[in-house]
Every structure is written in C-alpha cells, then in structure tokens.
Amino acid sequence: MSEPSIHIKNFNDKVKLMNQTQRKELVLSAADARSLHAEIYGLLAQIADLARVSEAPEPVIQVGMDGGGFK
C-alpha cells in the first residue's frame, strides 16, 4: 500500500490534534477542504477501477489430453 498523500496526512494530523486537545470542532480552510476532497475523489475512482477489474471474468483455459495409442 502506498503512503497517504500530503492532504490526507495533514487532515489526519489535524484530527489527532483535535482529539488530543479534546476540541469539539475541526476547521479546514477552503484550500485544505478542496485538496482533501480531490484526493478522496481520486481514491474512490481508483477503488472503482479496481472493482471493475476484479469483476471481469477470467478467461477459461481448457486442456485436453488423451492417451493417444497407449494401451
């Protein structure tokens, strides 16, 4: 798994600080909110792509063998 983006890491750090200081609110700037939104949307698109790939049927390979003239 890859490392989280800077926007997700910053959000995570802000939530940790909020929890440590027992604050009841977390305020994001418009730029932070847009960046986090874009990152989350990109991740959701990647998940959707992976789900489509995993749902694709795998090709069936058939192998036939006979004994030929062996008795």
PDB file of N, CA and C in Angstrom:
ATOM      1  N   MET A   1       0.848  -1.174   0.000  1.00  0.00           N
ATOM      2  CA  MET A   1       0.000   0.000   0.000  1.00  0.00           C
ATOM      3  C   MET A   1       0.891   1.234   0.000  1.00  0.00           C
ATOM      4  N   SER A   2       0.511   2.218  -0.768  1.00  0.00           N
ATOM      5  CA  SER A   2       1.331   3.411  -0.865  1.00  0.00           C
ATOM      6  C   SER A   2       1.094   4.333   0.332  1.00  0.00           C
ATOM      7  N   GLU A   3       2.014   5.243   0.496  1.00  0.00           N
ATOM      8  CA  GLU A   3       1.915   6.206   1.591  1.00  0.00           C
ATOM      9  C   GLU A   3       0.795   7.197   1.302  1.00  0.00           C
ATOM     10  N   PRO A   4       0.075   7.647   2.342  1.00  0.00           N
ATOM     11  CA  PRO A   4      -1.013   8.602   2.096  1.00  0.00           C
ATOM     12  C   PRO A   4      -0.483   9.917   1.540  1.00  0.00           C
ATOM     13  N   SER A   5      -1.325  10.588   0.797  1.00  0.00           N
ATOM     14  CA  SER A   5      -0.930  11.873   0.217  1.00  0.00           C
ATOM     15  C   SER A   5      -0.753  12.902   1.326  1.00  0.00           C
ATOM     16  N   ILE A   6      -0.133  14.001   0.980  1.00  0.00           N
ATOM     17  CA  ILE A   6       0.111  15.066   1.950  1.00  0.00           C
ATOM     18  C   ILE A   6      -1.199  15.631   2.488  1.00  0.00           C
ATOM     19  N   HIS A   7      -2.240  15.697   1.657  1.00  0.00           N
ATOM     20  CA  HIS A   7      -3.515  16.269   2.095  1.00  0.00           C
ATOM     21  C   HIS A   7      -4.200  15.357   3.111  1.00  0.00           C
ATOM     22  N   ILE A   8      -4.150  14.063   2.877  1.00  0.00           N
ATOM     23  CA  ILE A   8      -4.746  13.121   3.822  1.00  0.00           C
ATOM     24  C   ILE A   8      -3.916  13.097   5.106  1.00  0.00           C
ATOM     25  N   LYS A   9      -2.606  13.150   4.980  1.00  0.00           N
ATOM     26  CA  LYS A   9      -1.742  13.164   6.162  1.00  0.00           C
ATOM     27  C   LYS A   9      -1.996  14.417   7.000  1.00  0.00           C
ATOM     28  N   ASN A  10      -2.121  15.566   6.358  1.00  0.00           N
ATOM     29  CA  ASN A  10      -2.406  16.805   7.089  1.00  0.00           C
ATOM     30  C   ASN A  10      -3.741  16.721   7.808  1.00  0.00           C
ATOM     31  N   PHE A  11      -4.752  16.169   7.142  1.00  0.00           N
ATOM     32  CA  PHE A  11      -6.065  16.010   7.764  1.00  0.00           C
ATOM     33  C   PHE A  11      -5.962  15.086   8.972  1.00  0.00           C
ATOM     34  N   ASN A  12      -5.259  13.977   8.808  1.00  0.00           N
ATOM     35  CA  ASN A  12      -5.079  13.030   9.900  1.00  0.00           C
ATOM     36  C   ASN A  12      -4.389  13.700  11.094  1.00  0.00           C
ATOM     37  N   ASP A  13      -3.370  14.492  10.813  1.00  0.00           N
ATOM     38  CA  ASP A  13      -2.660  15.200  11.881  1.00  0.00           C
ATOM     39  C   ASP A  13      -3.581  16.180  12.608  1.00  0.00           C
ATOM     40  N   LYS A  14      -4.435  16.867  11.862  1.00  0.00           N
ATOM     41  CA  LYS A  14      -5.370  17.815  12.474  1.00  0.00           C
ATOM     42  C   LYS A  14      -6.390  17.087  13.351  1.00  0.00           C
ATOM     43  N   VAL A  15      -6.856  15.933  12.906  1.00  0.00           N
ATOM     44  CA  VAL A  15      -7.804  15.160  13.698  1.00  0.00           C
ATOM     45  C   VAL A  15      -7.135  14.646  14.972  1.00  0.00           C
ATOM     46  N   LYS A  16      -5.886  14.184  14.857  1.00  0.00           N
ATOM     47  CA  LYS A  16      -5.150  13.734  16.051  1.00  0.00           C
ATOM     48  C   LYS A  16      -5.026  14.864  17.064  1.00  0.00           C
ATOM     49  N   LEU A  17      -4.642  16.050  16.583  1.00  0.00           N
ATOM     50  CA  LEU A  17      -4.503  17.199  17.470  1.00  0.00           C
ATOM     51  C   LEU A  17      -5.839  17.552  18.108  1.00  0.00           C
ATOM     52  N   MET A  18      -6.905  17.515  17.327  1.00  0.00           N
ATOM     53  CA  MET A  18      -8.235  17.800  17.847  1.00  0.00           C
ATOM     54  C   MET A  18      -8.584  16.823  18.976  1.00  0.00           C
ATOM     55  N   ASN A  19      -8.291  15.549  18.770  1.00  0.00           N
ATOM     56  CA  ASN A  19      -8.588  14.540  19.783  1.00  0.00           C
ATOM     57  C   ASN A  19      -7.729  14.715  21.030  1.00  0.00           C
ATOM     58  N   GLN A  20      -6.455  15.029  20.835  1.00  0.00           N
ATOM     59  CA  GLN A  20      -5.546  15.196  21.976  1.00  0.00           C
ATOM     60  C   GLN A  20      -5.916  16.396  22.833  1.00  0.00           C
ATOM     61  N   THR A  21      -6.401  17.450  22.194  1.00  0.00           N
ATOM     62  CA  THR A  21      -6.761  18.660  22.925  1.00  0.00           C
ATOM     63  C   THR A  21      -8.238  18.682  23.294  1.00  0.00           C
ATOM     64  N   GLN A  22      -8.940  17.618  22.972  1.00  0.00           N
ATOM     65  CA  GLN A  22     -10.368  17.444  23.279  1.00  0.00           C
ATOM     66  C   GLN A  22     -11.231  18.582  22.727  1.00  0.00           C
ATOM     67  N   ARG A  23     -10.849  19.055  21.561  1.00  0.00           N
ATOM     68  CA  ARG A  23     -11.670  20.075  20.897  1.00  0.00           C
ATOM     69  C   ARG A  23     -12.906  19.413  20.327  1.00  0.00           C
ATOM     70  N   LYS A  24     -13.938  20.190  20.116  1.00  0.00           N
ATOM     71  CA  LYS A  24     -15.194  19.660  19.589  1.00  0.00           C
ATOM     72  C   LYS A  24     -15.390  19.980  18.110  1.00  0.00           C
ATOM     73  N   GLU A  25     -14.512  20.803  17.549  1.00  0.00           N
ATOM     74  CA  GLU A  25     -14.643  21.189  16.157  1.00  0.00           C
ATOM     75  C   GLU A  25     -13.296  21.135  15.452  1.00  0.00           C
ATOM     76  N   LEU A  26     -13.389  20.915  14.163  1.00  0.00           N
ATOM     77  CA  LEU A  26     -12.210  20.952  13.312  1.00  0.00           C
ATOM     78  C   LEU A  26     -12.552  21.865  12.139  1.00  0.00           C
ATOM     79  N   VAL A  27     -11.736  22.862  11.927  1.00  0.00           N
ATOM     80  CA  VAL A  27     -11.979  23.825  10.859  1.00  0.00           C
ATOM     81  C   VAL A  27     -10.906  23.638   9.795  1.00  0.00           C
ATOM     82  N   LEU A  28     -11.349  23.531   8.549  1.00  0.00           N
ATOM     83  CA  LEU A  28     -10.426  23.437   7.417  1.00  0.00           C
ATOM     84  C   LEU A  28     -10.561  24.696   6.573  1.00  0.00           C
ATOM     85  N   SER A  29      -9.446  25.151   6.054  1.00  0.00           N
ATOM     86  CA  SER A  29      -9.513  26.259   5.106  1.00  0.00           C
ATOM     87  C   SER A  29     -10.161  25.751   3.823  1.00  0.00           C
ATOM     88  N   ALA A  30     -10.609  26.659   3.006  1.00  0.00           N
ATOM     89  CA  ALA A  30     -11.226  26.265   1.730  1.00  0.00           C
ATOM     90  C   ALA A  30     -10.223  25.501   0.873  1.00  0.00           C
ATOM     91  N   ALA A  31      -8.978  25.938   0.873  1.00  0.00           N
ATOM     92  CA  ALA A  31      -7.951  25.261   0.066  1.00  0.00           C
ATOM     93  C   ALA A  31      -7.705  23.847   0.589  1.00  0.00           C
ATOM     94  N   ASP A  32      -7.622  23.684   1.924  1.00  0.00           N
ATOM     95  CA  ASP A  32      -7.435  22.348   2.505  1.00  0.00           C
ATOM     96  C   ASP A  32      -8.615  21.440   2.187  1.00  0.00           C
ATOM     97  N   ALA A  33      -9.821  21.984   2.298  1.00  0.00           N
ATOM     98  CA  ALA A  33     -11.023  21.195   2.028  1.00  0.00           C
ATOM     99  C   ALA A  33     -11.061  20.757   0.562  1.00  0.00           C
ATOM    100  N   ARG A  34     -10.715  21.657  -0.353  1.00  0.00           N
ATOM    101  CA  ARG A  34     -10.696  21.311  -1.779  1.00  0.00           C
ATOM    102  C   ARG A  34      -9.652  20.235  -2.079  1.00  0.00           C
ATOM    103  N   SER A  35      -8.470  20.388  -1.497  1.00  0.00           N
ATOM    104  CA  SER A  35      -7.401  19.420  -1.728  1.00  0.00           C
ATOM    105  C   SER A  35      -7.774  18.044  -1.180  1.00  0.00           C
ATOM    106  N   LEU A  36      -8.342  18.027   0.018  1.00  0.00           N
ATOM    107  CA  LEU A  36      -8.766  16.763   0.618  1.00  0.00           C
ATOM    108  C   LEU A  36      -9.883  16.134  -0.200  1.00  0.00           C
ATOM    109  N   HIS A  37     -10.828  16.933  -0.649  1.00  0.00           N
ATOM    110  CA  HIS A  37     -11.923  16.445  -1.478  1.00  0.00           C
ATOM    111  C   HIS A  37     -11.393  15.824  -2.768  1.00  0.00           C
ATOM    112  N   ALA A  38     -10.456  16.507  -3.414  1.00  0.00           N
ATOM    113  CA  ALA A  38      -9.887  15.997  -4.665  1.00  0.00           C
ATOM    114  C   ALA A  38      -9.154  14.678  -4.431  1.00  0.00           C
ATOM    115  N   GLU A  39      -8.432  14.592  -3.337  1.00  0.00           N
ATOM    116  CA  GLU A  39      -7.694  13.375  -3.025  1.00  0.00           C
ATOM    117  C   GLU A  39      -8.642  12.208  -2.745  1.00  0.00           C
ATOM    118  N   ILE A  40      -9.681  12.464  -1.967  1.00  0.00           N
ATOM    119  CA  ILE A  40     -10.656  11.411  -1.657  1.00  0.00           C
ATOM    120  C   ILE A  40     -11.370  10.969  -2.934  1.00  0.00           C
ATOM    121  N   TYR A  41     -11.761  11.915  -3.766  1.00  0.00           N
ATOM    122  CA  TYR A  41     -12.438  11.573  -5.015  1.00  0.00           C
ATOM    123  C   TYR A  41     -11.530  10.730  -5.913  1.00  0.00           C
ATOM    124  N   GLY A  42     -10.238  11.083  -5.968  1.00  0.00           N
ATOM    125  CA  GLY A  42      -9.279  10.302  -6.751  1.00  0.00           C
ATOM    126  C   GLY A  42      -9.143   8.879  -6.228  1.00  0.00           C
ATOM    127  N   LEU A  43      -9.113   8.733  -4.908  1.00  0.00           N
ATOM    128  CA  LEU A  43      -9.026   7.396  -4.311  1.00  0.00           C
ATOM    129  C   LEU A  43     -10.282   6.571  -4.615  1.00  0.00           C
ATOM    130  N   LEU A  44     -11.437   7.204  -4.541  1.00  0.00           N
ATOM    131  CA  LEU A  44     -12.683   6.494  -4.858  1.00  0.00           C
ATOM    132  C   LEU A  44     -12.696   6.042  -6.321  1.00  0.00           C
ATOM    133  N   ALA A  45     -12.172   6.861  -7.206  1.00  0.00           N
ATOM    134  CA  ALA A  45     -12.093   6.486  -8.618  1.00  0.00           C
ATOM    135  C   ALA A  45     -11.163   5.290  -8.802  1.00  0.00           C
ATOM    136  N   GLN A  46     -10.045   5.277  -8.079  1.00  0.00           N
ATOM    137  CA  GLN A  46      -9.125   4.141  -8.154  1.00  0.00           C
ATOM    138  C   GLN A  46      -9.779   2.872  -7.632  1.00  0.00           C
ATOM    139  N   ILE A  47     -10.529   2.987  -6.547  1.00  0.00           N
ATOM    140  CA  ILE A  47     -11.220   1.824  -5.983  1.00  0.00           C
ATOM    141  C   ILE A  47     -12.244   1.295  -6.977  1.00  0.00           C
ATOM    142  N   ALA A  48     -12.982   2.200  -7.622  1.00  0.00           N
ATOM    143  CA  ALA A  48     -13.970   1.780  -8.616  1.00  0.00           C
ATOM    144  C   ALA A  48     -13.296   1.057  -9.777  1.00  0.00           C
ATOM    145  N   ASP A  49     -12.153   1.552 -10.224  1.00  0.00           N
ATOM    146  CA  ASP A  49     -11.406   0.893 -11.306  1.00  0.00           C
ATOM    147  C   ASP A  49     -10.959  -0.499 -10.887  1.00  0.00           C
ATOM    148  N   LEU A  50     -10.450  -0.622  -9.672  1.00  0.00           N
ATOM    149  CA  LEU A  50     -10.013  -1.925  -9.176  1.00  0.00           C
ATOM    150  C   LEU A  50     -11.182  -2.895  -9.065  1.00  0.00           C
ATOM    151  N   ALA A  51     -12.342  -2.392  -8.647  1.00  0.00           N
ATOM    152  CA  ALA A  51     -13.518  -3.247  -8.525  1.00  0.00           C
ATOM    153  C   ALA A  51     -13.954  -3.748  -9.899  1.00  0.00           C
ATOM    154  N   ARG A  52     -13.877  -2.884 -10.912  1.00  0.00           N
ATOM    155  CA  ARG A  52     -14.249  -3.309 -12.268  1.00  0.00           C
ATOM    156  C   ARG A  52     -13.300  -4.377 -12.784  1.00  0.00           C
ATOM    157  N   VAL A  53     -12.026  -4.212 -12.514  1.00  0.00           N
ATOM    158  CA  VAL A  53     -11.032  -5.180 -12.975  1.00  0.00           C
ATOM    159  C   VAL A  53     -11.238  -6.515 -12.282  1.00  0.00           C
ATOM    160  N   SER A  54     -11.522  -6.484 -10.983  1.00  0.00           N
ATOM    161  CA  SER A  54     -11.681  -7.740 -10.241  1.00  0.00           C
ATOM    162  C   SER A  54     -12.979  -8.451 -10.603  1.00  0.00           C
ATOM    163  N   GLU A  55     -13.966  -7.722 -11.128  1.00  0.00           N
ATOM    164  CA  GLU A  55     -15.230  -8.342 -11.514  1.00  0.00           C
ATOM    165  C   GLU A  55     -15.168  -8.951 -12.910  1.00  0.00           C
ATOM    166  N   ALA A  56     -14.164  -8.610 -13.688  1.00  0.00           N
ATOM    167  CA  ALA A  56     -14.054  -9.133 -15.049  1.00  0.00           C
ATOM    168  C   ALA A  56     -13.815 -10.638 -14.979  1.00  0.00           C
ATOM    169  N   PRO A  57     -14.555 -11.381 -15.782  1.00  0.00           N
ATOM    170  CA  PRO A  57     -14.372 -12.831 -15.737  1.00  0.00           C
ATOM    171  C   PRO A  57     -12.993 -13.221 -16.264  1.00  0.00           C
ATOM    172  N   GLU A  58     -12.394 -14.167 -15.595  1.00  0.00           N
ATOM    173  CA  GLU A  58     -11.093 -14.636 -16.047  1.00  0.00           C
ATOM    174  C   GLU A  58     -11.296 -15.601 -17.201  1.00  0.00           C
ATOM    175  N   PRO A  59     -10.379 -15.580 -18.161  1.00  0.00           N
ATOM    176  CA  PRO A  59     -10.532 -16.490 -19.300  1.00  0.00           C
ATOM    177  C   PRO A  59     -10.429 -17.952 -18.845  1.00  0.00           C
ATOM    178  N   VAL A  60     -11.224 -18.781 -19.478  1.00  0.00           N
ATOM    179  CA  VAL A  60     -11.214 -20.201 -19.165  1.00  0.00           C
ATOM    180  C   VAL A  60     -10.236 -20.889 -20.108  1.00  0.00           C
ATOM    181  N   ILE A  61      -9.325 -21.601 -19.534  1.00  0.00           N
ATOM    182  CA  ILE A  61      -8.339 -22.329 -20.327  1.00  0.00           C
ATOM    183  C   ILE A  61      -8.685 -23.807 -20.214  1.00  0.00           C
ATOM    184  N   GLN A  62      -8.910 -24.414 -21.348  1.00  0.00           N
ATOM    185  CA  GLN A  62      -9.229 -25.839 -21.347  1.00  0.00           C
ATOM    186  C   GLN A  62      -8.048 -26.605 -21.919  1.00  0.00           C
ATOM    187  N   VAL A  63      -7.702 -27.656 -21.246  1.00  0.00           N
ATOM    188  CA  VAL A  63      -6.608 -28.506 -21.677  1.00  0.00           C
ATOM    189  C   VAL A  63      -7.179 -29.896 -21.867  1.00  0.00           C
ATOM    190  N   GLY A  64      -6.994 -30.454 -23.060  1.00  0.00           N
ATOM    191  CA  GLY A  64      -7.472 -31.813 -23.319  1.00  0.00           C
ATOM    192  C   GLY A  64      -6.281 -32.750 -23.511  1.00  0.00           C
ATOM    193  N   MET A  65      -6.356 -33.900 -22.921  1.00  0.00           N
ATOM    194  CA  MET A  65      -5.275 -34.865 -23.048  1.00  0.00           C
ATOM    195  C   MET A  65      -5.892 -36.234 -23.331  1.00  0.00           C
ATOM    196  N   ASP A  66      -5.254 -36.944 -24.215  1.00  0.00           N
ATOM    197  CA  ASP A  66      -5.692 -38.314 -24.417  1.00  0.00           C
ATOM    198  C   ASP A  66      -4.452 -39.205 -24.422  1.00  0.00           C
ATOM    199  N   GLY A  67      -4.650 -40.439 -24.317  1.00  0.00           N
ATOM    200  CA  GLY A  67      -3.532 -41.363 -24.249  1.00  0.00           C
ATOM    201  C   GLY A  67      -2.949 -41.704 -25.605  1.00  0.00           C
ATOM    202  N   GLY A  68      -3.508 -41.151 -26.663  1.00  0.00           N
ATOM    203  CA  GLY A  68      -3.023 -41.470 -27.994  1.00  0.00           C
ATOM    204  C   GLY A  68      -3.177 -42.958 -28.252  1.00  0.00           C
ATOM    205  N   GLY A  69      -2.151 -43.611 -28.688  1.00  0.00           N
ATOM    206  CA  GLY A  69      -2.211 -45.024 -28.980  1.00  0.00           C
ATOM    207  C   GLY A  69      -1.712 -45.888 -27.819  1.00  0.00           C
ATOM    208  N   PHE A  70      -1.576 -45.276 -26.638  1.00  0.00           N
ATOM    209  CA  PHE A  70      -1.053 -46.006 -25.490  1.00  0.00           C
ATOM    210  C   PHE A  70      -2.077 -47.001 -24.961  1.00  0.00           C
ATOM    211  N   LYS A  71      -1.614 -48.227 -24.710  1.00  0.00           N
ATOM    212  CA  LYS A  71      -2.518 -49.243 -24.170  1.00  0.00           C
ATOM    213  C   LYS A  71      -1.911 -49.915 -22.979  1.00  0.00           C
TER     214      LYS A  71
END
